[in-house]
Amino acid sequence: MTAMLSPTPAPETVSLNPATSPAQVSKSIPSPSTFTALAPEDWPNIDHLVTEDDTPVDNIFSEKQQRLLVESLYTSWRGADPKRQFLALANVGLFCGINQPPLVPDVLLSLEVKLFEDIWTKAHRSYLLWEYGKPPEVVIEIVSNRQGHELDSKLHDYAKIGVAYYIVYDPEKQLGEKVLYLYERRHIRYVEINGPWLPEIELGLTLWHGQYEDREDTWLRWCDQEGHLILTGAERVKQERQHAEQERQRAEQERQRAEQERQRAEQERQRAEQECQRAEQERQRAEQECQRAEQANQEKEQALFQLEQERQRVAQLVAQLQALEGNKK
């Protein structure tokens, strides 16, 4: 962000003031070694601080980009520890001391801190370092013009208060040939790094071209170590819907396969039953053949018996005739 909230007319009031020169801001920022979370009874009087004045200061792209970075963290990221607490804010004053104007990063991410329940109390409306007891781990600035001092005074200011990672996203390349600048704090100053992975916070940053809400553009996105995007709520719902549809299709395929197996088993059962029926028919035919053969054999024996009887009758008749002829002689 290059513009900040407008100054208040009272000279003794510390405001979110774009007119405050970068050199003045840098000179007044304390060292991170001086930060500690104060007990509520030790909190200084901050009635003179202006934490917000409701003046619109960002362009549409920057507003959407800020919201994308913040929303995806709360929707889909907890890092390695699902119980990890963090605070992600967009365009909120970062106060380092009660007599210094604040820095107003476009996005900040602070780990192991918890949002105060009463955020309407003035002391809790901004990120006051003496209340949270630590600087944010990450600050992101989105370049809108060449007056924001993202690569000079802010680079010094964020390093001085102990921000571990400072990111500058310059989508229009107004500050140079690069779109993305990543800095890591080493000792007391920043060193530019090439890799997108930020190991201290177990997060990465990547440029992604796609549609967020109603705008297709190149967006700065959080990602994991494998490069997978930290999803927005809409993307997560879409992904879960796709997973559910894939599961439904897999279940339907399993049901169809089971039905096909059932039909094949039924066909096998029917074939086996037909084979049993054919075997039974063959057995019955064989038994009938045996019965016919037995009957034929019986008929043959009966015919032989009758023939033998006839032969015996004939022999008797012949004997009788011979006896009669003998008597006549």
Protein backbone atom coordinates (compact mmCIF):
# COMPACT_ATOMS: atom_id res chain seq x y z
CA MET A 1 0.00 0.00 0.00
CA THR A 2 1.39 3.43 -0.85
CA ALA A 3 -1.31 5.70 0.55
CA MET A 4 -2.19 5.74 4.26
CA LEU A 5 -4.93 7.23 6.35
CA SER A 6 -5.05 11.02 6.36
CA PRO A 7 -3.40 13.06 9.16
CA THR A 8 -5.32 14.69 11.96
CA PRO A 9 -5.04 18.45 12.39
CA ALA A 10 -3.94 18.26 16.05
CA PRO A 11 -0.12 18.43 16.12
CA GLU A 12 0.16 16.40 19.29
CA THR A 13 -1.85 13.51 17.81
CA VAL A 14 -0.04 10.53 16.25
CA SER A 15 -1.93 9.64 13.08
CA LEU A 16 -1.74 7.16 10.20
CA ASN A 17 -0.10 9.87 8.17
CA PRO A 18 1.20 9.56 4.61
CA ALA A 19 2.77 12.97 4.92
CA THR A 20 5.17 11.83 7.64
CA SER A 21 8.53 11.49 5.92
CA PRO A 22 10.03 7.99 5.77
CA ALA A 23 13.17 9.23 7.47
CA GLN A 24 11.19 10.51 10.44
CA VAL A 25 9.33 7.24 10.81
CA SER A 26 12.48 5.14 10.52
CA LYS A 27 14.41 7.22 13.04
CA SER A 28 11.71 6.83 15.69
CA ILE A 29 11.18 3.05 15.45
CA PRO A 30 12.53 1.10 18.42
CA SER A 31 14.65 -2.03 18.19
CA PRO A 32 12.82 -5.42 18.43
CA SER A 33 14.86 -6.21 21.51
CA THR A 34 12.83 -3.60 23.38
CA PHE A 35 9.47 -5.29 22.67
CA THR A 36 7.67 -7.14 25.41
CA ALA A 37 4.02 -7.76 26.16
CA LEU A 38 3.03 -5.42 28.95
CA ALA A 39 0.52 -6.30 31.64
CA PRO A 40 -2.77 -4.42 31.14
CA GLU A 41 -2.07 -2.20 34.14
CA ASP A 42 1.19 -1.11 32.46
CA TRP A 43 -0.36 -0.19 29.12
CA PRO A 44 0.44 3.44 28.26
CA ASN A 45 -2.18 6.06 27.58
CA ILE A 46 -3.01 6.02 23.88
CA ASP A 47 -5.83 8.55 23.73
CA HIS A 48 -3.76 10.66 21.33
CA LEU A 49 -3.34 7.82 18.79
CA VAL A 50 -5.57 7.79 15.71
CA THR A 51 -6.12 4.15 14.83
CA GLU A 52 -8.51 4.75 11.93
CA ASP A 53 -10.28 7.63 10.20
CA ASP A 54 -12.48 5.78 7.66
CA THR A 55 -10.75 7.36 4.68
CA PRO A 56 -10.64 5.03 1.64
CA VAL A 57 -7.02 4.71 0.64
CA ASP A 58 -6.70 1.61 -1.57
CA ASN A 59 -7.53 0.80 -5.15
CA ILE A 60 -9.87 -2.05 -6.03
CA PHE A 61 -7.15 -4.53 -6.98
CA SER A 62 -5.22 -3.92 -3.75
CA GLU A 63 -8.39 -4.35 -1.67
CA LYS A 64 -9.17 -7.65 -3.34
CA GLN A 65 -5.56 -8.81 -3.09
CA GLN A 66 -5.47 -8.00 0.63
CA ARG A 67 -8.72 -9.84 1.23
CA LEU A 68 -7.54 -12.86 -0.76
CA LEU A 69 -4.38 -13.17 1.33
CA VAL A 70 -6.17 -12.80 4.66
CA GLU A 71 -9.26 -14.87 3.91
CA SER A 72 -7.40 -17.92 2.60
CA LEU A 73 -5.35 -18.16 5.81
CA TYR A 74 -8.40 -18.19 8.05
CA THR A 75 -10.26 -20.56 5.74
CA SER A 76 -7.65 -23.22 5.02
CA TRP A 77 -4.36 -22.82 6.92
CA ARG A 78 -3.20 -23.84 10.34
CA GLY A 79 0.33 -24.85 9.44
CA ALA A 80 1.83 -27.99 10.90
CA ASP A 81 -0.14 -27.47 14.13
CA PRO A 82 -3.93 -27.37 13.59
CA LYS A 83 -4.29 -25.64 16.96
CA ARG A 84 -1.87 -22.87 16.07
CA GLN A 85 -3.16 -19.37 16.72
CA PHE A 86 -2.35 -16.52 14.40
CA LEU A 87 -3.52 -13.07 13.43
CA ALA A 88 -3.81 -11.95 9.80
CA LEU A 89 -4.82 -8.36 9.16
CA ALA A 90 -5.14 -6.06 6.15
CA ASN A 91 -4.55 -2.33 6.14
CA VAL A 92 -4.37 -2.02 9.94
CA GLY A 93 -2.01 0.28 11.79
CA LEU A 94 1.15 -1.30 13.22
CA PHE A 95 2.19 0.83 16.19
CA CYS A 96 5.75 0.52 17.47
CA GLY A 97 5.60 3.28 20.10
CA ILE A 98 3.15 5.74 21.57
CA ASN A 99 4.90 8.76 20.08
CA GLN A 100 5.60 7.40 16.60
CA PRO A 101 3.31 7.31 13.61
CA PRO A 102 2.40 3.74 12.70
CA LEU A 103 3.38 1.67 9.75
CA VAL A 104 0.32 0.50 7.82
CA PRO A 105 1.15 -2.70 5.91
CA ASP A 106 -1.26 -3.98 3.34
CA VAL A 107 -1.17 -7.41 5.01
CA LEU A 108 0.49 -8.65 8.17
CA LEU A 109 0.69 -12.14 9.64
CA SER A 110 1.62 -12.71 13.28
CA LEU A 111 1.95 -16.21 14.73
CA GLU A 112 1.26 -17.46 18.24
CA VAL A 113 -0.92 -14.48 19.10
CA LYS A 114 -4.61 -14.28 19.81
CA LEU A 115 -7.04 -11.57 18.83
CA PHE A 116 -8.34 -9.68 21.83
CA GLU A 117 -12.00 -10.39 22.52
CA ASP A 118 -12.88 -6.72 22.89
CA ILE A 119 -11.71 -5.34 19.55
CA TRP A 120 -13.80 -2.17 19.98
CA THR A 121 -11.56 -0.94 22.77
CA LYS A 122 -9.19 1.61 21.27
CA ALA A 123 -6.15 -0.26 22.52
CA HIS A 124 -7.29 -3.32 20.56
CA ARG A 125 -8.27 -1.67 17.29
CA SER A 126 -4.75 -1.76 15.89
CA TYR A 127 -1.66 -3.92 16.25
CA LEU A 128 0.15 -2.37 19.22
CA LEU A 129 3.48 -4.10 19.70
CA TRP A 130 3.56 -3.52 23.46
CA GLU A 131 0.25 -5.40 23.78
CA TYR A 132 0.99 -8.31 21.48
CA GLY A 133 4.58 -8.44 22.68
CA LYS A 134 6.11 -9.25 19.30
CA PRO A 135 6.28 -7.97 15.73
CA PRO A 136 4.49 -9.82 12.92
CA GLU A 137 6.42 -12.56 11.16
CA VAL A 138 5.31 -11.39 7.71
CA VAL A 139 4.47 -8.02 6.21
CA ILE A 140 3.25 -7.66 2.61
CA GLU A 141 3.11 -4.42 0.66
CA ILE A 142 1.24 -4.10 -2.64
CA VAL A 143 2.67 -1.40 -4.88
CA SER A 144 0.17 1.07 -6.31
CA ASN A 145 2.55 3.85 -7.35
CA ARG A 146 6.12 5.01 -6.87
CA GLN A 147 5.53 7.06 -3.73
CA GLY A 148 5.17 4.23 -1.24
CA HIS A 149 8.87 3.77 -0.41
CA GLU A 150 8.42 -0.02 -0.40
CA LEU A 151 12.03 -0.70 -1.37
CA ASP A 152 13.76 1.99 0.68
CA SER A 153 12.44 3.36 3.99
CA LYS A 154 9.89 0.60 4.59
CA LEU A 155 12.58 -1.98 3.95
CA HIS A 156 14.55 -0.40 6.79
CA ASP A 157 11.53 0.15 9.07
CA TYR A 158 10.23 -3.42 8.99
CA ALA A 159 13.71 -4.84 9.46
CA LYS A 160 14.29 -2.56 12.46
CA ILE A 161 11.15 -3.73 14.29
CA GLY A 162 12.04 -7.39 13.65
CA VAL A 163 9.61 -8.54 10.94
CA ALA A 164 11.06 -11.86 9.74
CA TYR A 165 9.81 -11.67 6.14
CA TYR A 166 9.03 -8.60 4.08
CA ILE A 167 7.23 -9.11 0.76
CA VAL A 168 6.67 -6.51 -1.95
CA TYR A 169 4.23 -7.34 -4.74
CA ASP A 170 4.56 -4.96 -7.70
CA PRO A 171 2.03 -6.20 -10.29
CA GLU A 172 2.64 -3.25 -12.64
CA LYS A 173 6.47 -3.34 -12.25
CA GLN A 174 6.50 0.27 -11.12
CA LEU A 175 9.62 -0.19 -8.99
CA GLY A 176 11.72 -2.25 -11.38
CA GLU A 177 11.79 -5.29 -13.63
CA LYS A 178 10.51 -7.70 -10.99
CA VAL A 179 6.96 -8.38 -9.90
CA LEU A 180 7.75 -10.01 -6.57
CA TYR A 181 10.43 -9.15 -4.01
CA LEU A 182 10.98 -11.44 -1.03
CA TYR A 183 13.21 -10.43 1.87
CA GLU A 184 14.30 -12.40 4.92
CA ARG A 185 15.65 -10.68 8.03
CA ARG A 186 19.11 -11.85 8.95
CA HIS A 187 20.67 -10.22 11.97
CA ILE A 188 19.52 -6.60 11.68
CA ARG A 189 18.81 -6.20 7.95
CA TYR A 190 16.96 -7.83 5.09
CA VAL A 191 18.51 -10.13 2.51
CA GLU A 192 16.62 -10.78 -0.71
CA ILE A 193 15.75 -14.43 -1.24
CA ASN A 194 14.73 -16.30 -4.38
CA GLY A 195 12.74 -19.24 -3.07
CA PRO A 196 9.04 -18.85 -2.39
CA TRP A 197 9.16 -20.96 0.81
CA LEU A 198 9.27 -19.13 4.16
CA PRO A 199 10.49 -21.85 6.55
CA GLU A 200 10.00 -19.99 9.83
CA ILE A 201 6.26 -19.77 9.26
CA GLU A 202 5.86 -22.97 7.18
CA LEU A 203 4.21 -21.05 4.36
CA GLY A 204 5.14 -20.08 0.83
CA LEU A 205 4.09 -17.41 -1.64
CA THR A 206 3.45 -17.85 -5.32
CA LEU A 207 2.03 -15.91 -8.25
CA TRP A 208 -1.15 -17.47 -9.59
CA HIS A 209 -3.16 -16.46 -12.62
CA GLY A 210 -6.82 -17.20 -12.20
CA GLN A 211 -10.18 -15.87 -11.14
CA TYR A 212 -10.81 -14.55 -7.65
CA GLU A 213 -14.41 -13.49 -7.14
CA ASP A 214 -15.30 -11.49 -10.28
CA ARG A 215 -11.76 -10.70 -11.43
CA GLU A 216 -9.31 -12.78 -13.48
CA ASP A 217 -5.77 -11.57 -12.88
CA THR A 218 -2.38 -12.53 -11.52
CA TRP A 219 -2.67 -12.77 -7.75
CA LEU A 220 -0.21 -13.25 -4.93
CA ARG A 221 -1.21 -16.43 -3.12
CA TRP A 222 -0.11 -18.41 -0.09
CA CYS A 223 0.98 -21.98 -0.79
CA ASP A 224 2.38 -25.01 1.02
CA GLN A 225 5.85 -26.49 0.54
CA GLU A 226 4.68 -28.56 -2.44
CA GLY A 227 3.29 -25.44 -4.12
CA HIS A 228 -0.37 -26.23 -3.48
CA LEU A 229 -2.47 -23.12 -2.97
CA ILE A 230 -3.95 -22.27 0.41
CA LEU A 231 -7.56 -22.21 -0.70
CA THR A 232 -10.17 -19.54 -0.26
CA GLY A 233 -13.55 -20.45 1.16
CA ALA A 234 -15.14 -20.58 -2.30
CA GLU A 235 -12.29 -22.72 -3.65
CA ARG A 236 -12.52 -25.05 -0.69
CA VAL A 237 -16.26 -25.47 -1.16
CA LYS A 238 -15.70 -26.12 -4.87
CA GLN A 239 -12.94 -28.63 -4.09
CA GLU A 240 -15.09 -30.40 -1.51
CA ARG A 241 -17.98 -30.45 -3.97
CA GLN A 242 -15.68 -31.96 -6.62
CA HIS A 243 -14.39 -34.51 -4.10
CA ALA A 244 -17.97 -35.36 -3.14
CA GLU A 245 -18.89 -35.75 -6.81
CA GLN A 246 -15.83 -37.93 -7.39
CA GLU A 247 -16.78 -40.05 -4.38
CA ARG A 248 -20.34 -40.28 -5.69
CA GLN A 249 -19.05 -41.37 -9.10
CA ARG A 250 -16.68 -43.90 -7.49
CA ALA A 251 -19.53 -45.22 -5.37
CA GLU A 252 -21.73 -45.46 -8.47
CA GLN A 253 -18.96 -47.28 -10.34
CA GLU A 254 -18.57 -49.66 -7.39
CA ARG A 255 -22.33 -50.18 -7.35
CA GLN A 256 -22.30 -50.89 -11.09
CA ARG A 257 -19.35 -53.26 -10.71
CA ALA A 258 -21.12 -55.01 -7.84
CA GLU A 259 -24.27 -55.25 -9.95
CA GLN A 260 -22.27 -56.68 -12.86
CA GLU A 261 -20.66 -59.20 -10.50
CA ARG A 262 -24.08 -60.09 -9.15
CA GLN A 263 -25.39 -60.55 -12.70
CA ARG A 264 -22.36 -62.66 -13.64
CA ALA A 265 -22.84 -64.76 -10.52
CA GLU A 266 -26.53 -65.15 -11.36
CA GLN A 267 -25.63 -66.18 -14.91
CA GLU A 268 -23.13 -68.70 -13.54
CA ARG A 269 -25.78 -70.01 -11.16
CA GLN A 270 -28.25 -70.33 -14.01
CA ARG A 271 -25.65 -72.07 -16.20
CA ALA A 272 -24.83 -74.45 -13.35
CA GLU A 273 -28.52 -75.10 -12.82
CA GLN A 274 -28.97 -75.75 -16.55
CA GLU A 275 -26.02 -78.15 -16.46
CA CYS A 276 -27.61 -79.91 -13.50
CA GLN A 277 -30.90 -80.11 -15.40
CA ARG A 278 -29.14 -81.46 -18.49
CA ALA A 279 -27.28 -84.00 -16.35
CA GLU A 280 -30.57 -85.01 -14.73
CA GLN A 281 -32.17 -85.37 -18.15
CA GLU A 282 -29.25 -87.49 -19.33
CA ARG A 283 -29.55 -89.62 -16.20
CA GLN A 284 -33.25 -90.02 -16.81
CA ARG A 285 -32.64 -90.90 -20.48
CA ALA A 286 -29.98 -93.44 -19.45
CA GLU A 287 -32.35 -94.91 -16.88
CA GLN A 288 -35.09 -95.12 -19.51
CA GLU A 289 -32.66 -96.83 -21.88
CA CYS A 290 -31.75 -99.27 -19.11
CA GLN A 291 -35.43 -99.91 -18.46
CA ARG A 292 -36.11 -100.41 -22.19
CA ALA A 293 -33.13 -102.76 -22.44
CA GLU A 294 -34.32 -104.64 -19.37
CA GLN A 295 -37.81 -104.86 -20.81
CA ALA A 296 -36.46 -106.02 -24.16
CA ASN A 297 -34.39 -108.66 -22.40
CA GLN A 298 -37.43 -109.81 -20.47
CA GLU A 299 -39.46 -109.96 -23.69
CA LYS A 300 -36.68 -111.93 -25.32
CA GLU A 301 -36.52 -114.39 -22.46
CA GLN A 302 -40.31 -114.72 -22.53
CA ALA A 303 -40.24 -115.34 -26.28
CA LEU A 304 -37.53 -117.99 -25.81
CA PHE A 305 -39.59 -119.57 -23.05
CA GLN A 306 -42.67 -119.66 -25.27
CA LEU A 307 -40.60 -121.02 -28.13
CA GLU A 308 -39.27 -123.76 -25.87
CA GLN A 309 -42.81 -124.61 -24.82
CA GLU A 310 -43.84 -124.78 -28.46
CA ARG A 311 -40.87 -126.99 -29.22
CA GLN A 312 -41.81 -129.31 -26.37
CA ARG A 313 -45.45 -129.48 -27.58
CA VAL A 314 -44.26 -130.24 -31.07
CA ALA A 315 -41.95 -132.95 -29.72
CA GLN A 316 -44.87 -134.45 -27.77
CA LEU A 317 -47.06 -134.42 -30.85
CA VAL A 318 -44.32 -136.06 -32.90
CA ALA A 319 -43.91 -138.71 -30.21
CA GLN A 320 -47.65 -139.32 -30.12
CA LEU A 321 -47.82 -139.63 -33.90
CA GLN A 322 -44.93 -142.07 -33.90
CA ALA A 323 -46.67 -144.10 -31.21
CA LEU A 324 -49.89 -144.23 -33.22
CA GLU A 325 -48.08 -145.34 -36.34
CA GLY A 326 -46.34 -148.07 -34.34
CA ASN A 327 -49.63 -149.31 -32.99
CA LYS A 328 -51.09 -149.51 -36.46
CA LYS A 329 -48.31 -151.74 -37.68
